[in-house]
């Protein structure tokens, strides 16, 4: 799996205002900004992202995914 493929998987099911993924093919780091995170706790946001990957987490196509998740408002405050 490449970073572009992983980005595509996430973006197909989760509308993102910003999405960046980097990693070494097994361990990935993502920054995701989405209105879908409004009102959700951190664990709920991560679960939403994991749901976009489906079985790929279970079949080890994506071994590990570390992420930072933001609402657009939170992301604007980071700048």
N, C-alpha and C. Protein backbone atom coordinates (compact mmCIF):
# COMPACT_ATOMS: atom_id res chain seq x y z
N UNK A 1 0.85 -1.18 0.00
CA UNK A 1 0.00 0.00 0.00
C UNK A 1 0.89 1.24 0.00
N UNK A 2 0.48 2.23 -0.77
CA UNK A 2 1.21 3.49 -0.81
C UNK A 2 0.43 4.57 -0.05
N UNK A 3 1.09 5.67 0.22
CA UNK A 3 0.43 6.79 0.89
C UNK A 3 -0.75 7.29 0.06
N UNK A 4 -0.57 7.37 -1.26
CA UNK A 4 -1.66 7.82 -2.14
C UNK A 4 -2.85 6.88 -2.08
N UNK A 5 -2.60 5.59 -2.06
CA UNK A 5 -3.69 4.62 -1.98
C UNK A 5 -4.44 4.74 -0.65
N UNK A 6 -3.70 4.93 0.41
CA UNK A 6 -4.32 5.08 1.73
C UNK A 6 -5.14 6.36 1.79
N UNK A 7 -4.62 7.44 1.25
CA UNK A 7 -5.37 8.70 1.19
C UNK A 7 -6.66 8.52 0.42
N UNK A 8 -6.58 7.82 -0.71
CA UNK A 8 -7.77 7.59 -1.53
C UNK A 8 -8.82 6.80 -0.77
N UNK A 9 -8.40 5.76 -0.07
CA UNK A 9 -9.35 4.94 0.72
C UNK A 9 -10.09 5.79 1.74
N UNK A 10 -9.36 6.63 2.43
CA UNK A 10 -9.99 7.47 3.46
C UNK A 10 -10.90 8.51 2.81
N UNK A 11 -10.39 9.20 1.79
CA UNK A 11 -11.14 10.29 1.16
C UNK A 11 -12.40 9.81 0.44
N UNK A 12 -12.43 8.57 -0.03
CA UNK A 12 -13.62 8.05 -0.72
C UNK A 12 -14.82 7.96 0.21
N UNK A 13 -14.58 7.77 1.50
CA UNK A 13 -15.70 7.57 2.43
C UNK A 13 -15.83 8.65 3.50
N UNK A 14 -14.84 9.54 3.56
CA UNK A 14 -14.86 10.58 4.58
C UNK A 14 -14.50 11.90 3.93
N UNK A 15 -15.47 12.81 3.81
CA UNK A 15 -15.16 14.10 3.19
C UNK A 15 -14.13 14.85 4.04
N UNK A 16 -13.02 15.20 3.42
CA UNK A 16 -11.91 15.84 4.14
C UNK A 16 -11.60 17.20 3.54
N UNK A 17 -11.40 18.17 4.41
CA UNK A 17 -10.94 19.47 3.97
C UNK A 17 -9.42 19.47 3.83
N UNK A 18 -8.78 18.58 4.56
CA UNK A 18 -7.33 18.39 4.47
C UNK A 18 -7.05 16.93 4.82
N UNK A 19 -6.14 16.33 4.07
CA UNK A 19 -5.76 14.94 4.33
C UNK A 19 -4.33 14.75 3.87
N UNK A 20 -3.47 14.36 4.78
CA UNK A 20 -2.10 14.02 4.40
C UNK A 20 -1.72 12.72 5.10
N UNK A 21 -1.04 11.86 4.35
CA UNK A 21 -0.61 10.57 4.87
C UNK A 21 0.85 10.37 4.50
N UNK A 22 1.63 9.92 5.46
CA UNK A 22 3.01 9.55 5.18
C UNK A 22 3.35 8.32 6.00
N UNK A 23 4.36 7.62 5.55
CA UNK A 23 4.76 6.42 6.27
C UNK A 23 5.70 5.57 5.46
N UNK A 24 5.96 4.38 5.97
CA UNK A 24 6.96 3.51 5.37
C UNK A 24 6.37 2.27 4.70
N UNK A 25 5.07 2.25 4.50
CA UNK A 25 4.44 1.08 3.90
C UNK A 25 3.76 0.16 4.91
N UNK A 26 4.13 0.27 6.16
CA UNK A 26 3.48 -0.50 7.23
C UNK A 26 3.00 0.40 8.35
N UNK A 27 3.77 1.40 8.69
CA UNK A 27 3.42 2.33 9.76
C UNK A 27 3.09 3.68 9.13
N UNK A 28 1.87 4.13 9.37
CA UNK A 28 1.37 5.34 8.71
C UNK A 28 1.03 6.42 9.72
N UNK A 29 1.16 7.66 9.27
CA UNK A 29 0.83 8.83 10.08
C UNK A 29 -0.06 9.73 9.23
N UNK A 30 -1.24 10.04 9.73
CA UNK A 30 -2.20 10.83 8.96
C UNK A 30 -2.66 12.05 9.74
N UNK A 31 -2.87 13.12 9.00
CA UNK A 31 -3.52 14.31 9.53
C UNK A 31 -4.79 14.48 8.72
N UNK A 32 -5.92 14.50 9.42
CA UNK A 32 -7.22 14.49 8.75
C UNK A 32 -8.09 15.60 9.32
N UNK A 33 -8.62 16.43 8.44
CA UNK A 33 -9.53 17.50 8.83
C UNK A 33 -10.86 17.24 8.15
N UNK A 34 -11.93 17.12 8.95
CA UNK A 34 -13.24 16.82 8.38
C UNK A 34 -14.36 17.40 9.25
N UNK A 35 -15.39 17.88 8.59
CA UNK A 35 -16.58 18.34 9.32
C UNK A 35 -17.27 17.16 10.00
N UNK A 36 -16.99 15.95 9.55
CA UNK A 36 -17.59 14.75 10.14
C UNK A 36 -17.13 14.52 11.58
N UNK A 37 -16.09 15.22 12.00
CA UNK A 37 -15.58 15.06 13.36
C UNK A 37 -16.25 15.99 14.37
N UNK A 38 -17.10 16.89 13.88
CA UNK A 38 -17.79 17.84 14.77
C UNK A 38 -18.56 17.08 15.85
N UNK A 39 -18.33 17.44 17.10
CA UNK A 39 -19.07 16.86 18.21
C UNK A 39 -18.63 15.47 18.63
N UNK A 40 -17.58 14.92 18.00
CA UNK A 40 -17.13 13.58 18.34
C UNK A 40 -15.91 13.63 19.25
N UNK A 41 -15.84 12.66 20.16
CA UNK A 41 -14.64 12.50 20.98
C UNK A 41 -13.53 11.91 20.12
N UNK A 42 -12.31 11.99 20.60
CA UNK A 42 -11.15 11.53 19.85
C UNK A 42 -11.30 10.07 19.40
N UNK A 43 -11.71 9.20 20.29
CA UNK A 43 -11.85 7.79 19.95
C UNK A 43 -12.91 7.59 18.86
N UNK A 44 -13.97 8.37 18.90
CA UNK A 44 -15.01 8.26 17.88
C UNK A 44 -14.49 8.73 16.52
N UNK A 45 -13.66 9.74 16.52
CA UNK A 45 -13.05 10.22 15.28
C UNK A 45 -12.17 9.13 14.67
N UNK A 46 -11.35 8.53 15.52
CA UNK A 46 -10.46 7.47 15.04
C UNK A 46 -11.26 6.28 14.52
N UNK A 47 -12.32 5.92 15.21
CA UNK A 47 -13.17 4.82 14.76
C UNK A 47 -13.76 5.12 13.39
N UNK A 48 -14.14 6.37 13.17
CA UNK A 48 -14.70 6.77 11.88
C UNK A 48 -13.67 6.58 10.77
N UNK A 49 -12.42 6.94 11.06
CA UNK A 49 -11.36 6.76 10.06
C UNK A 49 -11.08 5.27 9.85
N UNK A 50 -10.97 4.51 10.93
CA UNK A 50 -10.73 3.07 10.80
C UNK A 50 -11.82 2.40 9.98
N UNK A 51 -13.05 2.87 10.11
CA UNK A 51 -14.16 2.28 9.36
C UNK A 51 -13.96 2.46 7.85
N UNK A 52 -13.26 3.51 7.44
CA UNK A 52 -13.02 3.72 6.00
C UNK A 52 -12.04 2.68 5.45
N UNK A 53 -11.26 2.07 6.33
CA UNK A 53 -10.26 1.10 5.88
C UNK A 53 -10.78 -0.32 5.87
N UNK A 54 -11.91 -0.54 6.53
CA UNK A 54 -12.54 -1.86 6.52
C UNK A 54 -11.58 -2.97 6.92
N UNK A 55 -11.54 -4.03 6.13
CA UNK A 55 -10.75 -5.22 6.43
C UNK A 55 -9.25 -4.99 6.27
N UNK A 56 -8.84 -3.90 5.68
CA UNK A 56 -7.42 -3.67 5.45
C UNK A 56 -6.64 -3.59 6.76
N UNK A 57 -7.29 -3.19 7.84
CA UNK A 57 -6.64 -3.19 9.16
C UNK A 57 -6.51 -4.61 9.69
N UNK A 58 -7.47 -5.46 9.35
CA UNK A 58 -7.48 -6.83 9.86
C UNK A 58 -6.60 -7.76 9.05
N UNK A 59 -6.40 -7.45 7.78
CA UNK A 59 -5.59 -8.31 6.92
C UNK A 59 -4.14 -7.84 6.87
N UNK A 60 -3.81 -6.82 7.65
CA UNK A 60 -2.45 -6.30 7.77
C UNK A 60 -1.98 -5.52 6.55
N UNK A 61 -2.90 -5.17 5.64
CA UNK A 61 -2.52 -4.29 4.54
C UNK A 61 -2.13 -2.92 5.10
N UNK A 62 -2.80 -2.54 6.18
CA UNK A 62 -2.44 -1.33 6.93
C UNK A 62 -2.11 -1.82 8.33
N UNK A 63 -0.83 -1.92 8.62
CA UNK A 63 -0.41 -2.50 9.90
C UNK A 63 -0.69 -1.56 11.07
N UNK A 64 -0.33 -0.28 10.91
CA UNK A 64 -0.52 0.67 12.00
C UNK A 64 -0.81 2.05 11.42
N UNK A 65 -1.78 2.72 12.01
CA UNK A 65 -2.14 4.06 11.56
C UNK A 65 -2.25 4.98 12.78
N UNK A 66 -1.35 5.91 12.86
CA UNK A 66 -1.39 6.94 13.89
C UNK A 66 -1.99 8.18 13.23
N UNK A 67 -2.89 8.86 13.92
CA UNK A 67 -3.53 9.99 13.26
C UNK A 67 -3.81 11.14 14.20
N UNK A 68 -3.87 12.31 13.59
CA UNK A 68 -4.34 13.52 14.26
C UNK A 68 -5.59 13.92 13.50
N UNK A 69 -6.67 14.09 14.23
CA UNK A 69 -7.95 14.41 13.61
C UNK A 69 -8.44 15.76 14.13
N UNK A 70 -8.91 16.58 13.20
CA UNK A 70 -9.36 17.93 13.54
C UNK A 70 -10.66 18.26 12.82
N UNK A 71 -11.46 19.09 13.46
CA UNK A 71 -12.56 19.74 12.75
C UNK A 71 -11.93 20.91 11.98
N UNK A 72 -12.61 21.47 10.99
CA UNK A 72 -12.05 22.62 10.28
C UNK A 72 -11.72 23.79 11.22
N UNK A 73 -12.55 24.00 12.22
CA UNK A 73 -12.32 25.08 13.19
C UNK A 73 -11.04 24.82 14.00
N UNK A 74 -10.87 23.58 14.45
CA UNK A 74 -9.68 23.23 15.21
C UNK A 74 -8.43 23.36 14.34
N UNK A 75 -8.56 22.98 13.08
CA UNK A 75 -7.43 23.04 12.15
C UNK A 75 -7.02 24.49 11.91
N UNK A 76 -8.00 25.36 11.78
CA UNK A 76 -7.72 26.79 11.57
C UNK A 76 -6.97 27.36 12.77
N UNK A 77 -7.27 26.88 13.95
CA UNK A 77 -6.60 27.35 15.16
C UNK A 77 -5.15 26.86 15.24
N UNK A 78 -4.84 25.76 14.54
CA UNK A 78 -3.49 25.23 14.51
C UNK A 78 -2.54 26.12 13.71
N UNK A 79 -3.11 26.83 12.73
CA UNK A 79 -2.28 27.63 11.82
C UNK A 79 -1.70 28.85 12.49
